[in-house]
Amino acid sequence: MPDDEAPARVLVVDDERIIADSIALILKGRGFDSRAVYSGEDAAELALTWMPNAVIADVVMGKMNGVALAIYLSHALPSCRVLLISGNIATSELLDESRKLGHDFPILAKPFPPESVFEFLSQSGAVGSA
């Protein structure tokens, strides 16, 4: 299959395994090539070799939170689009710090309908419609 016909790659990152696995499964059901990982560190490592078109990352995680991951990816893989997800009130402080550094990332509050993710992937230019 030529590269332009290959399914878009979407990396899902959440320290709550059930959430990461569920989102990745939903994406696979819509024709995306998706993988789930459970830490920002694992996501950063995999992204450099797998080269995802988009990353969906929880904000509040262990050592490397989703905002730090998003900033890292914006430098390491500038064409990769990042969507942050969160169900935690501490998110606003992390996002404020990110904006002060010149980074502004879209965010969805958990729980969210899968259509919101598909809309982001389509509108961000990260992927075509799957």
Protein backbone atom coordinates (compact mmCIF):
# COMPACT_ATOMS: atom_id res chain seq x y z
CA MET A 1 0.00 0.00 0.00
CA PRO A 2 1.50 3.42 -0.90
CA ASP A 3 2.27 5.78 1.99
CA ASP A 4 -0.48 8.22 1.02
CA GLU A 5 -3.02 5.42 1.47
CA ALA A 6 -1.65 4.22 4.81
CA PRO A 7 -3.93 4.88 7.78
CA ALA A 8 -3.03 7.90 9.89
CA ARG A 9 -1.05 7.06 13.02
CA VAL A 10 -2.46 8.29 16.34
CA LEU A 11 -0.67 7.76 19.63
CA VAL A 12 -2.85 7.75 22.75
CA VAL A 13 -1.21 8.50 26.11
CA ASP A 14 -2.91 8.15 29.48
CA ASP A 15 -1.68 6.72 32.76
CA GLU A 16 -5.14 5.23 33.20
CA ARG A 17 -4.69 2.19 30.98
CA ILE A 18 -8.40 1.59 30.42
CA ILE A 19 -8.80 5.10 29.01
CA ALA A 20 -5.76 4.89 26.73
CA ASP A 21 -6.73 1.42 25.51
CA SER A 22 -10.37 2.41 24.96
CA ILE A 23 -9.52 5.51 22.90
CA ALA A 24 -7.00 3.54 20.82
CA LEU A 25 -9.59 0.83 20.19
CA ILE A 26 -12.21 3.38 19.11
CA LEU A 27 -9.69 4.95 16.73
CA LYS A 28 -8.81 1.54 15.26
CA GLY A 29 -12.51 0.96 14.68
CA ARG A 30 -12.55 4.12 12.55
CA GLY A 31 -9.60 3.01 10.46
CA PHE A 32 -6.73 4.74 12.25
CA ASP A 33 -3.45 3.02 13.10
CA SER A 34 -3.47 3.72 16.84
CA ARG A 35 -1.31 2.69 19.75
CA ALA A 36 -1.70 3.23 23.48
CA VAL A 37 1.07 3.96 25.97
CA TYR A 38 0.79 4.81 29.64
CA SER A 39 3.37 7.50 30.36
CA GLY A 40 4.73 10.66 28.82
CA GLU A 41 8.22 9.16 28.76
CA ASP A 42 7.07 6.10 26.80
CA ALA A 43 5.14 8.34 24.41
CA ALA A 44 8.16 10.56 23.75
CA GLU A 45 10.33 7.52 23.03
CA LEU A 46 7.80 5.79 20.76
CA ALA A 47 6.93 8.99 18.89
CA LEU A 48 10.50 9.41 17.69
CA THR A 49 10.51 6.02 15.99
CA TRP A 50 6.83 5.55 15.07
CA MET A 51 6.28 9.15 13.87
CA PRO A 52 2.57 9.60 14.67
CA ASN A 53 0.44 12.12 12.79
CA ALA A 54 -1.29 13.02 16.06
CA VAL A 55 -1.03 12.42 19.79
CA ILE A 56 -3.90 12.41 22.26
CA ALA A 57 -2.41 12.87 25.73
CA ASP A 58 -3.73 13.11 29.25
CA VAL A 59 -2.45 16.22 30.99
CA VAL A 60 -1.86 14.99 34.55
CA MET A 61 0.54 12.03 34.50
CA GLY A 62 3.73 11.02 36.35
CA LYS A 63 7.15 12.52 35.64
CA MET A 64 6.39 13.86 32.15
CA ASN A 65 2.91 15.36 32.08
CA GLY A 66 0.92 15.85 28.89
CA VAL A 67 1.83 19.52 28.55
CA ALA A 68 5.56 18.75 28.80
CA LEU A 69 5.07 15.97 26.23
CA ALA A 70 3.20 18.33 23.90
CA ILE A 71 5.96 20.95 24.15
CA TYR A 72 8.61 18.28 23.52
CA LEU A 73 6.74 16.96 20.47
CA SER A 74 6.20 20.46 19.07
CA HIS A 75 10.00 20.70 18.78
CA ALA A 76 10.89 17.07 17.97
CA LEU A 77 8.01 16.42 15.52
CA PRO A 78 6.59 19.78 14.41
CA SER A 79 4.05 18.23 12.02
CA CYS A 80 2.55 16.04 14.78
CA ARG A 81 -0.63 17.55 16.22
CA VAL A 82 -1.38 17.18 19.93
CA LEU A 83 -4.77 17.08 21.63
CA LEU A 84 -4.70 17.22 25.42
CA ILE A 85 -7.37 15.53 27.53
CA SER A 86 -8.02 15.93 31.24
CA GLY A 87 -10.43 15.33 34.04
CA ASN A 88 -8.30 17.14 36.62
CA ILE A 89 -8.60 20.68 37.96
CA ALA A 90 -4.78 21.08 38.12
CA THR A 91 -4.81 21.22 34.34
CA SER A 92 -5.46 24.96 34.16
CA GLU A 93 -2.22 25.79 35.97
CA LEU A 94 -0.18 23.58 33.64
CA LEU A 95 -1.85 25.11 30.58
CA ASP A 96 -1.22 28.64 31.88
CA GLU A 97 2.48 27.83 32.28
CA SER A 98 2.53 26.42 28.75
CA ARG A 99 0.93 29.57 27.31
CA LYS A 100 3.53 31.73 29.05
CA LEU A 101 6.15 29.76 27.12
CA GLY A 102 4.30 30.41 23.86
CA HIS A 103 2.53 27.05 23.52
CA ASP A 104 -1.24 26.76 23.28
CA PHE A 105 -2.71 23.29 22.82
CA PRO A 106 -6.35 22.28 22.34
CA ILE A 107 -7.88 20.39 25.25
CA LEU A 108 -10.94 18.23 25.85
CA ALA A 109 -12.45 17.63 29.28
CA LYS A 110 -13.04 13.99 30.24
CA PRO A 111 -15.41 12.40 29.56
CA PHE A 112 -15.81 13.45 25.94
CA PRO A 113 -17.65 11.96 22.98
CA PRO A 114 -15.42 10.19 20.42
CA GLU A 115 -16.74 12.57 17.75
CA SER A 116 -14.75 15.36 19.43
CA VAL A 117 -11.52 13.47 18.79
CA PHE A 118 -12.45 12.75 15.17
CA GLU A 119 -13.29 16.43 14.68
CA PHE A 120 -9.90 17.47 16.09
CA LEU A 121 -8.05 15.00 13.87
CA SER A 122 -9.86 16.25 10.79
CA GLN A 123 -9.78 19.99 11.53
CA SER A 124 -6.20 20.12 12.80
CA GLY A 125 -4.84 18.87 9.53
CA ALA A 126 -3.15 16.04 11.39
CA VAL A 127 -5.00 13.47 9.32
CA GLY A 128 -7.55 13.19 6.58
CA SER A 129 -10.88 11.61 7.31
CA ALA A 130 -10.52 7.95 8.17
